[in-house]
Structures are given as structure tokens and as C-alpha cells.
Amino acid sequence: MHPSLKGDQGVGFVMATLLAHRIQVALPVSEYLPFDLIAISPEGKLRKVSVKYRQAKSDKIETELVRKPHGGSGKQRRAVTDSEIDGVALYCPDTGQCYFIRMDQVKGQVVTLRLKPPGNGQTKGIKMASDFTDPYLLFQ
């Protein structure tokens, strides 16, 4: 599938999930903004959300928080900052789920959610995907 279609599919699933939870959605007019949508809580709180379509690999869903220029080659990538977005919504077609992560929950520029616990029993620093399915996490 073409990357643009994957992105559109991700945005569609995230929007449907947000709306099903009574969270309204506003879409930006410009494609040059660092976020894909604005989530609006029933209380009127706004959150700028970057949407990512990511397939599971080795029981993990992983994404790097970077921006590349629209229509660019990707060579000018740069890190996304918490002043540009408030959170990330990952859509994983393998699980059919959306996962919601606030920027204050991100350490570094890579987000890794595990679908299964690590085989070595490690728990420190592990983010289980099942803990991030509630879109209201964006507003806490």
C-alpha cells in the first residue's frame, strides 16, 4: 500500500475511535503542520495529535517522532518537539487498534509499545500497548 494511503487509513481509524468516545476532531487546513488533527474533549480541551500508521514487528509497535518536509525526500528529517504536538496516536492494522500517547510519556524520539511482555520478565521502562487504548489519555 502506498505510504499516503496508509497515513489516510491511520487518520481515519483514529478519527473514528475519537468520535466513538465523544471526542470531537478538527482537521488542519495546511499539510505543513506537525500534527494531523486536533482532538477536542467534551470539556473543550484541545490536543494537537500526530497520527502514525505502524505495523507490528516482533510483538512491538514502534515509531520514530520525526518530521520530514512535505513532499521531501526525507533527508531533512528533524525531531518533533512537545511544543509542536501534545500526543501521538498510533494505528496498527495488525491489531486493529489505536493507541494514544502523550508527549510527556515519551522518552527520546522513539515510541515502543509491546503487544506481549518481554521474554526476560523485564518490566521497568516497558510500555504495554494495552495500557494505551483509551483516547482520554491524551487529556490527562
N, C-alpha and C. Protein backbone atom coordinates (compact mmCIF):
# COMPACT_ATOMS: atom_id res chain seq x y z
N MET A 1 0.85 -1.17 0.00
CA MET A 1 0.00 0.00 0.00
C MET A 1 0.90 1.24 0.00
N HIS A 2 0.52 2.25 -0.75
CA HIS A 2 1.28 3.50 -0.82
C HIS A 2 1.29 4.18 0.55
N PRO A 3 2.43 4.77 0.94
CA PRO A 3 2.52 5.42 2.27
C PRO A 3 1.44 6.46 2.53
N SER A 4 1.03 7.22 1.51
CA SER A 4 -0.03 8.22 1.72
C SER A 4 -1.35 7.55 2.07
N LEU A 5 -1.63 6.41 1.44
CA LEU A 5 -2.86 5.68 1.76
C LEU A 5 -2.82 5.11 3.17
N LYS A 6 -1.64 4.66 3.59
CA LYS A 6 -1.50 4.18 4.97
C LYS A 6 -1.79 5.32 5.95
N GLY A 7 -1.23 6.49 5.66
CA GLY A 7 -1.47 7.65 6.52
C GLY A 7 -2.94 8.01 6.58
N ASP A 8 -3.60 8.00 5.42
CA ASP A 8 -5.04 8.31 5.39
C ASP A 8 -5.83 7.28 6.19
N GLN A 9 -5.46 6.01 6.05
CA GLN A 9 -6.15 4.96 6.80
C GLN A 9 -5.95 5.15 8.30
N GLY A 10 -4.72 5.48 8.71
CA GLY A 10 -4.45 5.74 10.12
C GLY A 10 -5.28 6.88 10.66
N VAL A 11 -5.33 7.99 9.93
CA VAL A 11 -6.13 9.14 10.36
C VAL A 11 -7.60 8.76 10.47
N GLY A 12 -8.08 7.99 9.50
CA GLY A 12 -9.49 7.58 9.53
C GLY A 12 -9.83 6.73 10.75
N PHE A 13 -8.99 5.76 11.06
CA PHE A 13 -9.25 4.91 12.22
C PHE A 13 -9.13 5.70 13.52
N VAL A 14 -8.15 6.59 13.60
CA VAL A 14 -8.01 7.40 14.82
C VAL A 14 -9.22 8.31 14.98
N MET A 15 -9.65 8.96 13.90
CA MET A 15 -10.83 9.82 13.99
C MET A 15 -12.05 9.03 14.45
N ALA A 16 -12.27 7.84 13.87
CA ALA A 16 -13.43 7.03 14.25
C ALA A 16 -13.37 6.66 15.73
N THR A 17 -12.18 6.32 16.21
CA THR A 17 -12.02 5.95 17.63
C THR A 17 -12.31 7.15 18.53
N LEU A 18 -11.77 8.31 18.17
CA LEU A 18 -12.01 9.51 18.97
C LEU A 18 -13.50 9.85 18.99
N LEU A 19 -14.14 9.86 17.84
CA LEU A 19 -15.56 10.20 17.76
C LEU A 19 -16.42 9.20 18.53
N ALA A 20 -16.06 7.92 18.51
CA ALA A 20 -16.80 6.91 19.26
C ALA A 20 -16.74 7.15 20.77
N HIS A 21 -15.72 7.90 21.20
CA HIS A 21 -15.56 8.22 22.62
C HIS A 21 -16.01 9.66 22.93
N ARG A 22 -16.83 10.23 22.03
CA ARG A 22 -17.36 11.59 22.21
C ARG A 22 -16.27 12.66 22.21
N ILE A 23 -15.15 12.38 21.59
CA ILE A 23 -14.08 13.36 21.43
C ILE A 23 -14.19 13.89 20.00
N GLN A 24 -14.43 15.20 19.88
CA GLN A 24 -14.56 15.81 18.57
C GLN A 24 -13.20 15.96 17.89
N VAL A 25 -13.21 16.12 16.58
CA VAL A 25 -11.98 16.20 15.80
C VAL A 25 -12.04 17.40 14.88
N ALA A 26 -10.95 18.16 14.83
CA ALA A 26 -10.78 19.25 13.87
C ALA A 26 -9.55 18.93 13.03
N LEU A 27 -9.68 19.13 11.73
CA LEU A 27 -8.57 18.85 10.82
C LEU A 27 -7.92 20.16 10.39
N PRO A 28 -6.59 20.20 10.34
CA PRO A 28 -5.91 21.42 9.91
C PRO A 28 -6.08 21.64 8.40
N VAL A 29 -6.05 22.89 7.99
CA VAL A 29 -6.15 23.23 6.58
C VAL A 29 -4.83 22.97 5.88
N SER A 30 -3.72 23.24 6.55
CA SER A 30 -2.39 23.11 5.96
C SER A 30 -1.82 21.71 6.16
N GLU A 31 -1.15 21.20 5.15
CA GLU A 31 -0.45 19.92 5.26
C GLU A 31 0.95 20.10 5.84
N TYR A 32 1.34 21.31 6.10
CA TYR A 32 2.70 21.60 6.55
C TYR A 32 2.82 21.69 8.06
N LEU A 33 1.74 21.44 8.77
CA LEU A 33 1.78 21.48 10.23
C LEU A 33 2.32 20.17 10.77
N PRO A 34 2.89 20.18 11.98
CA PRO A 34 3.46 18.95 12.54
C PRO A 34 2.42 17.98 13.08
N PHE A 35 1.16 18.37 13.14
CA PHE A 35 0.12 17.49 13.66
C PHE A 35 -0.90 17.20 12.57
N ASP A 36 -1.63 16.09 12.74
CA ASP A 36 -2.60 15.64 11.74
C ASP A 36 -4.03 16.00 12.09
N LEU A 37 -4.29 16.19 13.38
CA LEU A 37 -5.64 16.56 13.80
C LEU A 37 -5.58 17.19 15.19
N ILE A 38 -6.69 17.82 15.53
CA ILE A 38 -6.86 18.37 16.88
C ILE A 38 -8.00 17.61 17.53
N ALA A 39 -7.72 17.01 18.67
CA ALA A 39 -8.74 16.29 19.44
C ALA A 39 -9.33 17.27 20.46
N ILE A 40 -10.66 17.28 20.56
CA ILE A 40 -11.35 18.22 21.45
C ILE A 40 -12.21 17.41 22.42
N SER A 41 -11.84 17.48 23.70
CA SER A 41 -12.56 16.71 24.73
C SER A 41 -13.96 17.28 24.93
N PRO A 42 -14.85 16.51 25.55
CA PRO A 42 -16.19 17.04 25.85
C PRO A 42 -16.15 18.31 26.70
N GLU A 43 -15.07 18.49 27.46
CA GLU A 43 -14.93 19.69 28.30
C GLU A 43 -14.30 20.86 27.52
N GLY A 44 -13.91 20.62 26.27
CA GLY A 44 -13.36 21.69 25.44
C GLY A 44 -11.84 21.78 25.42
N LYS A 45 -11.14 20.82 26.03
CA LYS A 45 -9.68 20.82 25.98
C LYS A 45 -9.22 20.41 24.58
N LEU A 46 -8.17 21.07 24.08
CA LEU A 46 -7.63 20.80 22.75
C LEU A 46 -6.28 20.11 22.85
N ARG A 47 -6.06 19.13 21.97
CA ARG A 47 -4.77 18.43 21.91
C ARG A 47 -4.37 18.26 20.44
N LYS A 48 -3.14 18.72 20.11
CA LYS A 48 -2.59 18.53 18.77
C LYS A 48 -2.00 17.12 18.70
N VAL A 49 -2.48 16.33 17.74
CA VAL A 49 -2.13 14.91 17.68
C VAL A 49 -1.48 14.57 16.33
N SER A 50 -0.36 13.91 16.41
CA SER A 50 0.29 13.35 15.23
C SER A 50 -0.17 11.90 15.10
N VAL A 51 -0.62 11.52 13.91
CA VAL A 51 -1.12 10.16 13.69
C VAL A 51 -0.09 9.36 12.91
N LYS A 52 0.15 8.14 13.34
CA LYS A 52 1.10 7.25 12.69
C LYS A 52 0.42 5.91 12.40
N TYR A 53 0.64 5.37 11.21
CA TYR A 53 0.21 4.03 10.83
C TYR A 53 1.44 3.16 10.98
N ARG A 54 1.38 2.17 11.87
CA ARG A 54 2.55 1.32 12.10
C ARG A 54 2.13 -0.14 12.23
N GLN A 55 2.80 -0.99 11.49
CA GLN A 55 2.57 -2.42 11.60
C GLN A 55 3.41 -2.98 12.75
N ALA A 56 2.92 -4.05 13.33
CA ALA A 56 3.64 -4.71 14.43
C ALA A 56 4.80 -5.52 13.87
N LYS A 57 5.91 -5.47 14.59
CA LYS A 57 7.08 -6.28 14.25
C LYS A 57 7.65 -6.83 15.55
N SER A 58 7.86 -8.12 15.58
CA SER A 58 8.43 -8.79 16.77
C SER A 58 7.64 -8.44 18.04
N ASP A 59 6.32 -8.48 17.94
CA ASP A 59 5.43 -8.19 19.07
C ASP A 59 5.58 -6.78 19.61
N LYS A 60 6.02 -5.83 18.75
CA LYS A 60 6.15 -4.43 19.14
C LYS A 60 5.54 -3.54 18.07
N ILE A 61 5.06 -2.39 18.51
CA ILE A 61 4.64 -1.33 17.60
C ILE A 61 5.58 -0.16 17.92
N GLU A 62 6.29 0.29 16.91
CA GLU A 62 7.34 1.28 17.15
C GLU A 62 7.26 2.40 16.13
N THR A 63 7.50 3.63 16.57
CA THR A 63 7.56 4.76 15.66
C THR A 63 8.59 5.76 16.15
N GLU A 64 9.19 6.43 15.20
CA GLU A 64 10.13 7.50 15.49
C GLU A 64 9.40 8.82 15.33
N LEU A 65 9.58 9.72 16.27
CA LEU A 65 8.89 11.01 16.23
C LEU A 65 9.73 12.03 15.49
N VAL A 66 9.62 11.99 14.18
CA VAL A 66 10.36 12.91 13.32
C VAL A 66 9.42 13.50 12.28
N ARG A 67 9.84 14.64 11.74
CA ARG A 67 9.12 15.28 10.65
C ARG A 67 10.03 15.33 9.44
N LYS A 68 9.44 15.19 8.29
CA LYS A 68 10.20 15.45 7.07
C LYS A 68 9.41 16.46 6.27
N PRO A 69 10.08 17.25 5.45
CA PRO A 69 9.35 18.26 4.68
C PRO A 69 8.30 17.62 3.80
N HIS A 70 7.15 18.27 3.67
CA HIS A 70 6.08 17.76 2.83
C HIS A 70 6.59 17.59 1.40
N GLY A 71 6.42 16.40 0.86
CA GLY A 71 6.86 16.13 -0.50
C GLY A 71 8.37 15.99 -0.62
N GLY A 72 9.07 16.01 0.53
CA GLY A 72 10.53 15.95 0.51
C GLY A 72 11.04 14.53 0.42
N SER A 73 12.32 14.43 0.30
CA SER A 73 12.95 13.13 0.16
C SER A 73 13.14 12.42 1.49
N GLY A 74 12.93 13.13 2.59
CA GLY A 74 13.14 12.53 3.90
C GLY A 74 14.54 12.77 4.42
N LYS A 75 15.39 13.37 3.63
CA LYS A 75 16.77 13.59 4.05
C LYS A 75 16.89 14.72 5.06
N GLN A 76 15.87 15.55 5.14
CA GLN A 76 15.91 16.70 6.05
C GLN A 76 15.03 16.46 7.27
N ARG A 77 14.99 15.24 7.73
CA ARG A 77 14.17 14.89 8.88
C ARG A 77 14.67 15.59 10.13
N ARG A 78 13.72 15.93 11.02
CA ARG A 78 14.10 16.50 12.30
C ARG A 78 13.12 16.03 13.37
N ALA A 79 13.58 16.07 14.60
CA ALA A 79 12.77 15.60 15.72
C ALA A 79 11.55 16.50 15.91
N VAL A 80 10.44 15.88 16.31
CA VAL A 80 9.24 16.61 16.69
C VAL A 80 9.35 16.92 18.17
N THR A 81 8.97 18.12 18.55
CA THR A 81 9.08 18.52 19.96
C THR A 81 7.69 18.58 20.60
N ASP A 82 7.69 18.59 21.93
CA ASP A 82 6.41 18.65 22.65
C ASP A 82 5.76 20.02 22.55
N SER A 83 6.46 21.02 21.98
CA SER A 83 5.81 22.31 21.72
C SER A 83 5.02 22.25 20.40
N GLU A 84 5.30 21.26 19.56
CA GLU A 84 4.62 21.13 18.26
C GLU A 84 3.41 20.22 18.33
N ILE A 85 3.49 19.17 19.15
CA ILE A 85 2.37 18.25 19.30
C ILE A 85 2.19 17.92 20.78
N ASP A 86 0.96 17.55 21.13
CA ASP A 86 0.66 17.16 22.51
C ASP A 86 0.68 15.65 22.69
N GLY A 87 0.48 14.93 21.58
CA GLY A 87 0.43 13.48 21.68
C GLY A 87 0.52 12.81 20.33
N VAL A 88 0.62 11.49 20.40
CA VAL A 88 0.72 10.65 19.21
C VAL A 88 -0.38 9.61 19.27
N ALA A 89 -1.01 9.36 18.13
CA ALA A 89 -1.98 8.28 18.01
C ALA A 89 -1.42 7.30 16.98
N LEU A 90 -1.22 6.07 17.42
CA LEU A 90 -0.72 5.02 16.53
C LEU A 90 -1.88 4.14 16.12
N TYR A 91 -2.01 3.90 14.82
CA TYR A 91 -2.97 2.90 14.36
C TYR A 91 -2.17 1.70 13.87
N CYS A 92 -2.50 0.53 14.38
CA CYS A 92 -1.82 -0.71 14.00
C CYS A 92 -2.82 -1.62 13.28
N PRO A 93 -2.63 -1.85 11.97
CA PRO A 93 -3.57 -2.70 11.25
C PRO A 93 -3.53 -4.16 11.71
N ASP A 94 -2.43 -4.57 12.30
CA ASP A 94 -2.30 -5.96 12.76
C ASP A 94 -3.19 -6.25 13.96
N THR A 95 -3.41 -5.23 14.80
CA THR A 95 -4.27 -5.40 15.97
C THR A 95 -5.65 -4.77 15.75
N GLY A 96 -5.75 -3.88 14.75
CA GLY A 96 -6.99 -3.16 14.51
C GLY A 96 -7.29 -2.14 15.58
N GLN A 97 -6.26 -1.74 16.33
CA GLN A 97 -6.41 -0.83 17.47
C GLN A 97 -5.69 0.49 17.23
N CYS A 98 -6.15 1.51 17.94
CA CYS A 98 -5.45 2.79 18.02
C CYS A 98 -4.88 2.92 19.42
N TYR A 99 -3.70 3.51 19.51
CA TYR A 99 -3.01 3.69 20.79
C TYR A 99 -2.67 5.17 20.94
N PHE A 100 -2.85 5.71 22.15
CA PHE A 100 -2.73 7.14 22.39
C PHE A 100 -1.67 7.41 23.45
N ILE A 101 -0.67 8.22 23.08
CA ILE A 101 0.46 8.50 23.97
C ILE A 101 0.67 10.01 24.05
N ARG A 102 0.71 10.54 25.27
CA ARG A 102 1.06 11.95 25.47
C ARG A 102 2.56 12.13 25.33
N MET A 103 2.96 13.32 24.92
CA MET A 103 4.39 13.59 24.74
C MET A 103 5.16 13.48 26.05
N ASP A 104 4.53 13.76 27.19
CA ASP A 104 5.26 13.64 28.47
C ASP A 104 5.50 12.18 28.84
N GLN A 105 4.91 11.24 28.10
CA GLN A 105 5.15 9.81 28.33
C GLN A 105 6.25 9.26 27.41
N VAL A 106 6.79 10.13 26.57
CA VAL A 106 7.80 9.71 25.59
C VAL A 106 9.18 10.08 26.10
N LYS A 107 10.06 9.12 26.10
CA LYS A 107 11.47 9.35 26.45
C LYS A 107 12.27 9.23 25.16
N GLY A 108 12.91 10.31 24.74
CA GLY A 108 13.65 10.27 23.48
C GLY A 108 12.71 10.47 22.30
N GLN A 109 13.10 9.99 21.15
CA GLN A 109 12.32 10.20 19.94
C GLN A 109 11.67 8.93 19.40
N VAL A 110 11.78 7.84 20.13
CA VAL A 110 11.18 6.58 19.67
C VAL A 110 10.13 6.13 20.68
N VAL A 111 8.96 5.78 20.16
CA VAL A 111 7.89 5.23 20.99
C VAL A 111 7.80 3.74 20.67
N THR A 112 7.89 2.91 21.70
CA THR A 112 7.77 1.46 21.53
C THR A 112 6.69 0.94 22.47
N LEU A 113 5.67 0.34 21.88
CA LEU A 113 4.61 -0.31 22.65
C LEU A 113 4.72 -1.80 22.41
N ARG A 114 4.65 -2.57 23.47
CA ARG A 114 4.76 -4.03 23.36
C ARG A 114 3.38 -4.67 23.35
N LEU A 115 3.23 -5.64 22.48
CA LEU A 115 1.99 -6.40 22.42
C LEU A 115 2.01 -7.57 23.39
N LYS A 116 3.20 -8.07 23.71
CA LYS A 116 3.39 -9.15 24.69
C LYS A 116 4.52 -8.74 25.63
N PRO A 117 4.49 -9.19 26.87
CA PRO A 117 5.59 -8.88 27.78
C PRO A 117 6.91 -9.46 27.25
N PRO A 118 8.03 -8.82 27.58
CA PRO A 118 9.32 -9.36 27.15
C PRO A 118 9.57 -10.74 27.75
N GLY A 119 10.25 -11.58 27.01
CA GLY A 119 10.53 -12.94 27.45
C GLY A 119 11.41 -13.02 28.68
N ASN A 120 12.21 -11.97 28.94
CA ASN A 120 13.12 -12.00 30.08
C ASN A 120 12.48 -11.50 31.37
N GLY A 121 11.19 -11.14 31.31
CA GLY A 121 10.49 -10.70 32.51
C GLY A 121 10.70 -9.24 32.88
N GLN A 122 11.44 -8.50 32.08
CA GLN A 122 11.69 -7.08 32.38
C GLN A 122 10.38 -6.32 32.41
N THR A 123 10.23 -5.42 33.38
CA THR A 123 9.04 -4.58 33.47
C THR A 123 9.37 -3.10 33.47
N LYS A 124 10.54 -2.74 33.96
CA LYS A 124 10.93 -1.34 34.04
C LYS A 124 11.11 -0.76 32.63
N GLY A 125 10.44 0.37 32.39
CA GLY A 125 10.57 1.04 31.10
C GLY A 125 9.77 0.41 29.98
N ILE A 126 8.99 -0.62 30.28
CA ILE A 126 8.21 -1.31 29.26
C ILE A 126 6.82 -0.67 29.18
N LYS A 127 6.40 -0.35 27.98
CA LYS A 127 5.05 0.19 27.76
C LYS A 127 4.24 -0.88 27.03
N MET A 128 3.23 -1.39 27.71
CA MET A 128 2.35 -2.38 27.10
C MET A 128 1.28 -1.65 26.28
N ALA A 129 1.10 -2.06 25.04
CA ALA A 129 0.15 -1.42 24.15
C ALA A 129 -1.25 -1.37 24.76
N SER A 130 -1.62 -2.42 25.46
CA SER A 130 -2.96 -2.50 26.06
C SER A 130 -3.23 -1.37 27.07
N ASP A 131 -2.19 -0.73 27.59
CA ASP A 131 -2.34 0.38 28.53
C ASP A 131 -2.60 1.71 27.84
N PHE A 132 -2.59 1.74 26.50
CA PHE A 132 -2.67 3.00 25.77
C PHE A 132 -3.83 3.04 24.78
N THR A 133 -4.90 2.29 25.02
CA THR A 133 -6.02 2.25 24.09
C THR A 133 -7.10 3.30 24.39
N ASP A 134 -7.06 3.92 25.54
CA ASP A 134 -8.07 4.91 25.93
C ASP A 134 -7.68 6.29 25.38
N PRO A 135 -8.48 6.86 24.47
CA PRO A 135 -8.11 8.16 23.91
C PRO A 135 -8.14 9.30 24.93
N TYR A 136 -8.82 9.11 26.06
CA TYR A 136 -8.83 10.15 27.08
C TYR A 136 -7.45 10.31 27.74
N LEU A 137 -6.54 9.37 27.50
CA LEU A 137 -5.16 9.53 27.98
C LEU A 137 -4.53 10.81 27.44
N LEU A 138 -4.97 11.25 26.26
CA LEU A 138 -4.42 12.48 25.67
C LEU A 138 -4.72 13.71 26.52
N PHE A 139 -5.75 13.64 27.34
CA PHE A 139 -6.22 14.81 28.10
C PHE A 139 -5.83 14.78 29.58
N GLN A 140 -5.11 13.77 30.02
CA GLN A 140 -4.73 13.68 31.44
C GLN A 140 -3.53 14.54 31.73
